[in-house]
Amino acid sequence: LGDYAYFESDCYELGDGFIKAKALDDRIGCMLLIE
């Protein structure tokens, strides 16, 4: 009890320049800050 569960989901490109993933909110922001 109290353990966390997470979506099991890969990150990949699809279509005409799209990215699909979990946690894009807000790992995109984290990436931009790191840069």
All heavy atoms as atom14 arrays in JSON, in Angstrom:
{
  "sequence": "LGDYAYFESDCYELGDGFIKAKALDDRIGCMLLIE",
  "atom14_mask": [
    [1, 1, 1, 1, 1, 1, 1, 1, 0, 0, 0, 0, 0, 0],
    [1, 1, 1, 1, 0, 0, 0, 0, 0, 0, 0, 0, 0, 0],
    [1, 1, 1, 1, 1, 1, 1, 1, 0, 0, 0, 0, 0, 0],
    [1, 1, 1, 1, 1, 1, 1, 1, 1, 1, 1, 1, 0, 0],
    [1, 1, 1, 1, 1, 0, 0, 0, 0, 0, 0, 0, 0, 0],
    [1, 1, 1, 1, 1, 1, 1, 1, 1, 1, 1, 1, 0, 0],
    [1, 1, 1, 1, 1, 1, 1, 1, 1, 1, 1, 0, 0, 0],
    [1, 1, 1, 1, 1, 1, 1, 1, 1, 0, 0, 0, 0, 0],
    [1, 1, 1, 1, 1, 1, 0, 0, 0, 0, 0, 0, 0, 0],
    [1, 1, 1, 1, 1, 1, 1, 1, 0, 0, 0, 0, 0, 0],
    [1, 1, 1, 1, 1, 1, 0, 0, 0, 0, 0, 0, 0, 0],
    [1, 1, 1, 1, 1, 1, 1, 1, 1, 1, 1, 1, 0, 0],
    [1, 1, 1, 1, 1, 1, 1, 1, 1, 0, 0, 0, 0, 0],
    [1, 1, 1, 1, 1, 1, 1, 1, 0, 0, 0, 0, 0, 0],
    [1, 1, 1, 1, 0, 0, 0, 0, 0, 0, 0, 0, 0, 0],
    [1, 1, 1, 1, 1, 1, 1, 1, 0, 0, 0, 0, 0, 0],
    [1, 1, 1, 1, 0, 0, 0, 0, 0, 0, 0, 0, 0, 0],
    [1, 1, 1, 1, 1, 1, 1, 1, 1, 1, 1, 0, 0, 0],
    [1, 1, 1, 1, 1, 1, 1, 1, 0, 0, 0, 0, 0, 0],
    [1, 1, 1, 1, 1, 1, 1, 1, 1, 0, 0, 0, 0, 0],
    [1, 1, 1, 1, 1, 0, 0, 0, 0, 0, 0, 0, 0, 0],
    [1, 1, 1, 1, 1, 1, 1, 1, 1, 0, 0, 0, 0, 0],
    [1, 1, 1, 1, 1, 0, 0, 0, 0, 0, 0, 0, 0, 0],
    [1, 1, 1, 1, 1, 1, 1, 1, 0, 0, 0, 0, 0, 0],
    [1, 1, 1, 1, 1, 1, 1, 1, 0, 0, 0, 0, 0, 0],
    [1, 1, 1, 1, 1, 1, 1, 1, 0, 0, 0, 0, 0, 0],
    [1, 1, 1, 1, 1, 1, 1, 1, 1, 1, 1, 0, 0, 0],
    [1, 1, 1, 1, 1, 1, 1, 1, 0, 0, 0, 0, 0, 0],
    [1, 1, 1, 1, 0, 0, 0, 0, 0, 0, 0, 0, 0, 0],
    [1, 1, 1, 1, 1, 1, 0, 0, 0, 0, 0, 0, 0, 0],
    [1, 1, 1, 1, 1, 1, 1, 1, 0, 0, 0, 0, 0, 0],
    [1, 1, 1, 1, 1, 1, 1, 1, 0, 0, 0, 0, 0, 0],
    [1, 1, 1, 1, 1, 1, 1, 1, 0, 0, 0, 0, 0, 0],
    [1, 1, 1, 1, 1, 1, 1, 1, 0, 0, 0, 0, 0, 0],
    [1, 1, 1, 1, 1, 1, 1, 1, 1, 0, 0, 0, 0, 0]
  ],
  "atom14_positions": [
    [[0.84, -1.18, 0.0], [0.0, 0.0, 0.0], [0.89, 1.24, 0.0], [1.9, 1.3, 0.69], [-0.93, 0.01, 1.22], [-1.87, -1.19, 1.39], [-2.85, -0.92, 2.52], [-2.6, -1.51, 0.11], [0.0, 0.0, 0.0], [0.0, 0.0, 0.0], [0.0, 0.0, 0.0], [0.0, 0.0, 0.0], [0.0, 0.0, 0.0], [0.0, 0.0, 0.0]],
    [[0.49, 2.23, -0.78], [1.3, 3.43, -0.91], [2.29, 3.4, -2.04], [2.93, 4.41, -2.34], [0.0, 0.0, 0.0], [0.0, 0.0, 0.0], [0.0, 0.0, 0.0], [0.0, 0.0, 0.0], [0.0, 0.0, 0.0], [0.0, 0.0, 0.0], [0.0, 0.0, 0.0], [0.0, 0.0, 0.0], [0.0, 0.0, 0.0], [0.0, 0.0, 0.0]],
    [[2.45, 2.25, -2.71], [3.32, 2.19, -3.89], [2.67, 2.96, -5.04], [1.45, 3.04, -5.14], [3.55, 0.74, -4.34], [4.51, -0.01, -3.43], [5.19, 0.64, -2.61], [4.58, -1.25, -3.56], [0.0, 0.0, 0.0], [0.0, 0.0, 0.0], [0.0, 0.0, 0.0], [0.0, 0.0, 0.0], [0.0, 0.0, 0.0], [0.0, 0.0, 0.0]],
    [[3.52, 3.5, -5.9], [3.03, 4.24, -7.07], [2.93, 3.32, -8.28], [3.73, 2.39, -8.45], [3.95, 5.39, -7.41], [3.91, 6.53, -6.41], [4.88, 6.63, -5.41], [2.92, 7.5, -6.45], [4.85, 7.67, -4.48], [2.87, 8.54, -5.54], [3.84, 8.62, -4.55], [3.81, 9.64, -3.65], [0.0, 0.0, 0.0], [0.0, 0.0, 0.0]],
    [[1.96, 3.6, -9.13], [1.82, 2.91, -10.41], [1.93, 3.95, -11.53], [1.42, 5.07, -11.4], [0.48, 2.19, -10.5], [0.0, 0.0, 0.0], [0.0, 0.0, 0.0], [0.0, 0.0, 0.0], [0.0, 0.0, 0.0], [0.0, 0.0, 0.0], [0.0, 0.0, 0.0], [0.0, 0.0, 0.0], [0.0, 0.0, 0.0], [0.0, 0.0, 0.0]],
    [[2.59, 3.57, -12.61], [2.85, 4.48, -13.72], [2.38, 3.88, -15.03], [2.46, 2.67, -15.24], [4.37, 4.76, -13.83], [4.93, 5.48, -12.64], [5.49, 4.77, -11.58], [4.92, 6.87, -12.57], [6.01, 5.42, -10.48], [5.44, 7.52, -11.48], [5.98, 6.81, -10.44], [6.49, 7.47, -9.36], [0.0, 0.0, 0.0], [0.0, 0.0, 0.0]],
    [[1.91, 4.76, -15.92], [1.63, 4.3, -17.27], [2.88, 3.68, -17.87], [3.98, 4.25, -17.8], [1.2, 5.47, -18.16], [-0.18, 6.0, -17.89], [-0.36, 7.32, -17.51], [-1.3, 5.19, -18.03], [-1.64, 7.83, -17.28], [-2.58, 5.68, -17.8], [-2.75, 7.0, -17.42], [0.0, 0.0, 0.0], [0.0, 0.0, 0.0], [0.0, 0.0, 0.0]],
    [[2.74, 2.52, -18.49], [3.82, 1.9, -19.24], [3.67, 2.34, -20.7], [2.73, 1.91, -21.39], [3.74, 0.38, -19.13], [4.88, -0.37, -19.79], [6.16, -0.38, -18.96], [6.21, 0.24, -17.89], [7.13, -1.02, -19.42], [0.0, 0.0, 0.0], [0.0, 0.0, 0.0], [0.0, 0.0, 0.0], [0.0, 0.0, 0.0], [0.0, 0.0, 0.0]],
    [[4.53, 3.23, -21.15], [4.32, 3.85, -22.46], [5.65, 4.26, -23.06], [6.47, 4.89, -22.39], [3.42, 5.09, -22.3], [3.25, 5.76, -23.52], [0.0, 0.0, 0.0], [0.0, 0.0, 0.0], [0.0, 0.0, 0.0], [0.0, 0.0, 0.0], [0.0, 0.0, 0.0], [0.0, 0.0, 0.0], [0.0, 0.0, 0.0], [0.0, 0.0, 0.0]],
    [[5.87, 3.92, -24.31], [7.11, 4.29, -24.99], [6.99, 5.71, -25.53], [5.91, 6.3, -25.59], [7.4, 3.31, -26.12], [8.88, 3.3, -26.51], [9.64, 4.11, -25.95], [9.26, 2.5, -27.37], [0.0, 0.0, 0.0], [0.0, 0.0, 0.0], [0.0, 0.0, 0.0], [0.0, 0.0, 0.0], [0.0, 0.0, 0.0], [0.0, 0.0, 0.0]],
    [[8.12, 6.25, -25.93], [8.19, 7.58, -26.54], [8.71, 7.41, -27.96], [9.78, 6.82, -28.16], [9.12, 8.48, -25.72], [9.41, 10.12, -26.44], [0.0, 0.0, 0.0], [0.0, 0.0, 0.0], [0.0, 0.0, 0.0], [0.0, 0.0, 0.0], [0.0, 0.0, 0.0], [0.0, 0.0, 0.0], [0.0, 0.0, 0.0], [0.0, 0.0, 0.0]],
    [[7.95, 7.9, -28.95], [8.41, 7.77, -30.32], [7.78, 8.83, -31.21], [6.79, 9.47, -30.84], [8.11, 6.37, -30.88], [6.69, 5.9, -30.73], [5.69, 6.32, -31.6], [6.34, 5.02, -29.71], [4.39, 5.87, -31.47], [5.04, 4.57, -29.56], [4.07, 5.0, -30.44], [2.78, 4.57, -30.3], [0.0, 0.0, 0.0], [0.0, 0.0, 0.0]],
    [[8.38, 9.02, -32.38], [7.85, 9.95, -33.37], [6.82, 9.23, -34.24], [6.91, 8.02, -34.48], [8.98, 10.49, -34.25], [9.95, 11.38, -33.51], [11.0, 11.99, -34.43], [10.68, 12.21, -35.62], [12.12, 12.25, -33.96], [0.0, 0.0, 0.0], [0.0, 0.0, 0.0], [0.0, 0.0, 0.0], [0.0, 0.0, 0.0], [0.0, 0.0, 0.0]],
    [[5.83, 9.98, -34.7], [4.83, 9.42, -35.6], [4.29, 10.52, -36.49], [4.42, 11.71, -36.19], [3.69, 8.75, -34.83], [2.69, 9.65, -34.07], [1.42, 8.85, -33.77], [3.27, 10.15, -32.77], [0.0, 0.0, 0.0], [0.0, 0.0, 0.0], [0.0, 0.0, 0.0], [0.0, 0.0, 0.0], [0.0, 0.0, 0.0], [0.0, 0.0, 0.0]],
    [[3.7, 10.11, -37.61], [3.08, 11.05, -38.53], [4.05, 12.11, -39.04], [5.25, 11.87, -39.19], [0.0, 0.0, 0.0], [0.0, 0.0, 0.0], [0.0, 0.0, 0.0], [0.0, 0.0, 0.0], [0.0, 0.0, 0.0], [0.0, 0.0, 0.0], [0.0, 0.0, 0.0], [0.0, 0.0, 0.0], [0.0, 0.0, 0.0], [0.0, 0.0, 0.0]],
    [[3.52, 13.29, -39.25], [4.28, 14.39, -39.81], [4.87, 15.25, -38.69], [4.42, 16.35, -38.41], [3.36, 15.25, -40.7], [4.12, 16.39, -41.37], [5.37, 16.33, -41.44], [3.46, 17.34, -41.82], [0.0, 0.0, 0.0], [0.0, 0.0, 0.0], [0.0, 0.0, 0.0], [0.0, 0.0, 0.0], [0.0, 0.0, 0.0], [0.0, 0.0, 0.0]],
    [[5.89, 14.71, -38.02], [6.61, 15.47, -37.02], [5.96, 15.54, -35.66], [6.08, 16.56, -34.96], [0.0, 0.0, 0.0], [0.0, 0.0, 0.0], [0.0, 0.0, 0.0], [0.0, 0.0, 0.0], [0.0, 0.0, 0.0], [0.0, 0.0, 0.0], [0.0, 0.0, 0.0], [0.0, 0.0, 0.0], [0.0, 0.0, 0.0], [0.0, 0.0, 0.0]],
    [[5.28, 14.48, -35.23], [4.67, 14.44, -33.92], [5.46, 13.53, -32.99], [6.15, 12.6, -33.44], [3.22, 13.94, -34.0], [2.3, 14.86, -34.73], [2.13, 14.78, -36.11], [1.58, 15.83, -34.03], [1.28, 15.63, -36.78], [0.71, 16.68, -34.7], [0.57, 16.59, -36.07], [0.0, 0.0, 0.0], [0.0, 0.0, 0.0], [0.0, 0.0, 0.0]],
    [[5.34, 13.76, -31.69], [5.93, 12.9, -30.68], [4.81, 12.43, -29.76], [3.97, 13.21, -29.33], [7.0, 13.64, -29.84], [8.2, 14.01, -30.7], [7.44, 12.78, -28.65], [9.24, 14.84, -29.98], [0.0, 0.0, 0.0], [0.0, 0.0, 0.0], [0.0, 0.0, 0.0], [0.0, 0.0, 0.0], [0.0, 0.0, 0.0], [0.0, 0.0, 0.0]],
    [[4.82, 11.13, -29.44], [3.86, 10.55, -28.51], [4.62, 9.99, -27.32], [5.63, 9.3, -27.48], [3.06, 9.45, -29.21], [2.18, 8.59, -28.28], [2.9, 7.34, -27.85], [2.08, 6.54, -26.85], [2.88, 5.48, -26.2], [0.0, 0.0, 0.0], [0.0, 0.0, 0.0], [0.0, 0.0, 0.0], [0.0, 0.0, 0.0], [0.0, 0.0, 0.0]],
    [[4.15, 10.28, -26.11], [4.79, 9.77, -24.9], [3.9, 10.05, -23.7], [2.97, 10.84, -23.77], [6.15, 10.42, -24.68], [0.0, 0.0, 0.0], [0.0, 0.0, 0.0], [0.0, 0.0, 0.0], [0.0, 0.0, 0.0], [0.0, 0.0, 0.0], [0.0, 0.0, 0.0], [0.0, 0.0, 0.0], [0.0, 0.0, 0.0], [0.0, 0.0, 0.0]],
    [[4.2, 9.42, -22.59], [3.65, 9.86, -21.31], [4.52, 11.01, -20.8], [5.64, 11.22, -21.27], [3.64, 8.71, -20.29], [5.02, 8.34, -19.72], [4.88, 7.36, -18.59], [6.23, 7.01, -17.97], [6.87, 8.11, -17.25], [0.0, 0.0, 0.0], [0.0, 0.0, 0.0], [0.0, 0.0, 0.0], [0.0, 0.0, 0.0], [0.0, 0.0, 0.0]],
    [[4.02, 11.75, -19.83], [4.81, 12.74, -19.07], [5.38, 13.88, -19.9], [6.28, 14.57, -19.45], [5.94, 12.05, -18.3], [0.0, 0.0, 0.0], [0.0, 0.0, 0.0], [0.0, 0.0, 0.0], [0.0, 0.0, 0.0], [0.0, 0.0, 0.0], [0.0, 0.0, 0.0], [0.0, 0.0, 0.0], [0.0, 0.0, 0.0], [0.0, 0.0, 0.0]],
    [[4.85, 14.1, -21.11], [5.26, 15.29, -21.85], [4.96, 16.55, -21.04], [5.63, 17.58, -21.17], [4.57, 15.34, -23.21], [5.09, 14.31, -24.23], [4.14, 14.22, -25.42], [6.49, 14.65, -24.69], [0.0, 0.0, 0.0], [0.0, 0.0, 0.0], [0.0, 0.0, 0.0], [0.0, 0.0, 0.0], [0.0, 0.0, 0.0], [0.0, 0.0, 0.0]],
    [[3.94, 16.46, -20.21], [3.65, 17.47, -19.18], [4.36, 17.03, -17.9], [3.89, 16.13, -17.22], [2.13, 17.55, -18.98], [1.73, 18.44, -17.83], [2.51, 19.32, -17.44], [0.61, 18.26, -17.32], [0.0, 0.0, 0.0], [0.0, 0.0, 0.0], [0.0, 0.0, 0.0], [0.0, 0.0, 0.0], [0.0, 0.0, 0.0], [0.0, 0.0, 0.0]],
    [[5.48, 17.57, -17.53], [6.13, 18.71, -18.12], [7.6, 18.42, -18.36], [8.47, 19.24, -18.1], [5.97, 19.91, -17.18], [6.54, 21.19, -17.73], [6.55, 21.37, -18.96], [7.01, 22.01, -16.94], [0.0, 0.0, 0.0], [0.0, 0.0, 0.0], [0.0, 0.0, 0.0], [0.0, 0.0, 0.0], [0.0, 0.0, 0.0], [0.0, 0.0, 0.0]],
    [[7.91, 17.23, -18.88], [9.31, 16.92, -19.14], [9.85, 17.75, -20.29], [11.06, 17.95, -20.4], [9.47, 15.42, -19.42], [8.96, 14.54, -18.27], [9.8, 14.59, -17.03], [9.08, 14.11, -15.85], [8.79, 12.83, -15.59], [9.14, 11.88, -16.44], [8.13, 12.52, -14.49], [0.0, 0.0, 0.0], [0.0, 0.0, 0.0], [0.0, 0.0, 0.0]],
    [[8.94, 18.28, -21.14], [9.39, 19.23, -22.17], [9.97, 20.47, -21.52], [11.04, 20.95, -21.88], [8.24, 19.6, -23.12], [7.91, 18.43, -24.05], [8.59, 20.83, -23.95], [6.79, 18.71, -25.02], [0.0, 0.0, 0.0], [0.0, 0.0, 0.0], [0.0, 0.0, 0.0], [0.0, 0.0, 0.0], [0.0, 0.0, 0.0], [0.0, 0.0, 0.0]],
    [[9.26, 21.0, -20.52], [9.77, 22.17, -19.81], [11.1, 21.89, -19.14], [12.01, 22.72, -19.17], [0.0, 0.0, 0.0], [0.0, 0.0, 0.0], [0.0, 0.0, 0.0], [0.0, 0.0, 0.0], [0.0, 0.0, 0.0], [0.0, 0.0, 0.0], [0.0, 0.0, 0.0], [0.0, 0.0, 0.0], [0.0, 0.0, 0.0], [0.0, 0.0, 0.0]],
    [[11.23, 20.7, -18.54], [12.5, 20.32, -17.91], [13.63, 20.29, -18.93], [14.73, 20.78, -18.67], [12.36, 18.96, -17.23], [11.26, 18.94, -15.79], [0.0, 0.0, 0.0], [0.0, 0.0, 0.0], [0.0, 0.0, 0.0], [0.0, 0.0, 0.0], [0.0, 0.0, 0.0], [0.0, 0.0, 0.0], [0.0, 0.0, 0.0], [0.0, 0.0, 0.0]],
    [[13.38, 19.72, -20.09], [14.39, 19.66, -21.15], [14.83, 21.06, -21.56], [16.03, 21.33, -21.71], [13.85, 18.9, -22.36], [14.82, 18.85, -23.53], [14.07, 18.19, -25.04], [12.96, 19.53, -25.49], [0.0, 0.0, 0.0], [0.0, 0.0, 0.0], [0.0, 0.0, 0.0], [0.0, 0.0, 0.0], [0.0, 0.0, 0.0], [0.0, 0.0, 0.0]],
    [[13.88, 21.96, -21.76], [14.22, 23.31, -22.19], [15.04, 24.05, -21.13], [15.96, 24.79, -21.46], [12.94, 24.08, -22.52], [12.15, 23.57, -23.73], [10.82, 24.28, -23.84], [12.95, 23.72, -25.02], [0.0, 0.0, 0.0], [0.0, 0.0, 0.0], [0.0, 0.0, 0.0], [0.0, 0.0, 0.0], [0.0, 0.0, 0.0], [0.0, 0.0, 0.0]],
    [[14.73, 23.84, -19.85], [15.53, 24.45, -18.79], [16.95, 23.9, -18.79], [17.93, 24.64, -18.63], [14.89, 24.21, -17.43], [13.57, 24.92, -17.09], [13.33, 24.88, -15.59], [13.53, 26.34, -17.59], [0.0, 0.0, 0.0], [0.0, 0.0, 0.0], [0.0, 0.0, 0.0], [0.0, 0.0, 0.0], [0.0, 0.0, 0.0], [0.0, 0.0, 0.0]],
    [[17.08, 22.59, -18.94], [18.42, 21.98, -18.99], [19.23, 22.57, -20.13], [20.41, 22.91, -19.97], [18.31, 20.44, -19.14], [17.71, 19.82, -17.88], [19.68, 19.83, -19.43], [17.33, 18.36, -18.03], [0.0, 0.0, 0.0], [0.0, 0.0, 0.0], [0.0, 0.0, 0.0], [0.0, 0.0, 0.0], [0.0, 0.0, 0.0], [0.0, 0.0, 0.0]],
    [[18.61, 22.71, -21.3], [19.3, 23.29, -22.45], [19.79, 24.71, -22.16], [20.91, 25.08, -22.51], [18.38, 23.3, -23.67], [18.08, 21.91, -24.22], [17.08, 21.94, -25.37], [16.5, 23.02, -25.65], [16.87, 20.89, -26.0], [0.0, 0.0, 0.0], [0.0, 0.0, 0.0], [0.0, 0.0, 0.0], [0.0, 0.0, 0.0], [0.0, 0.0, 0.0]]
  ]
}
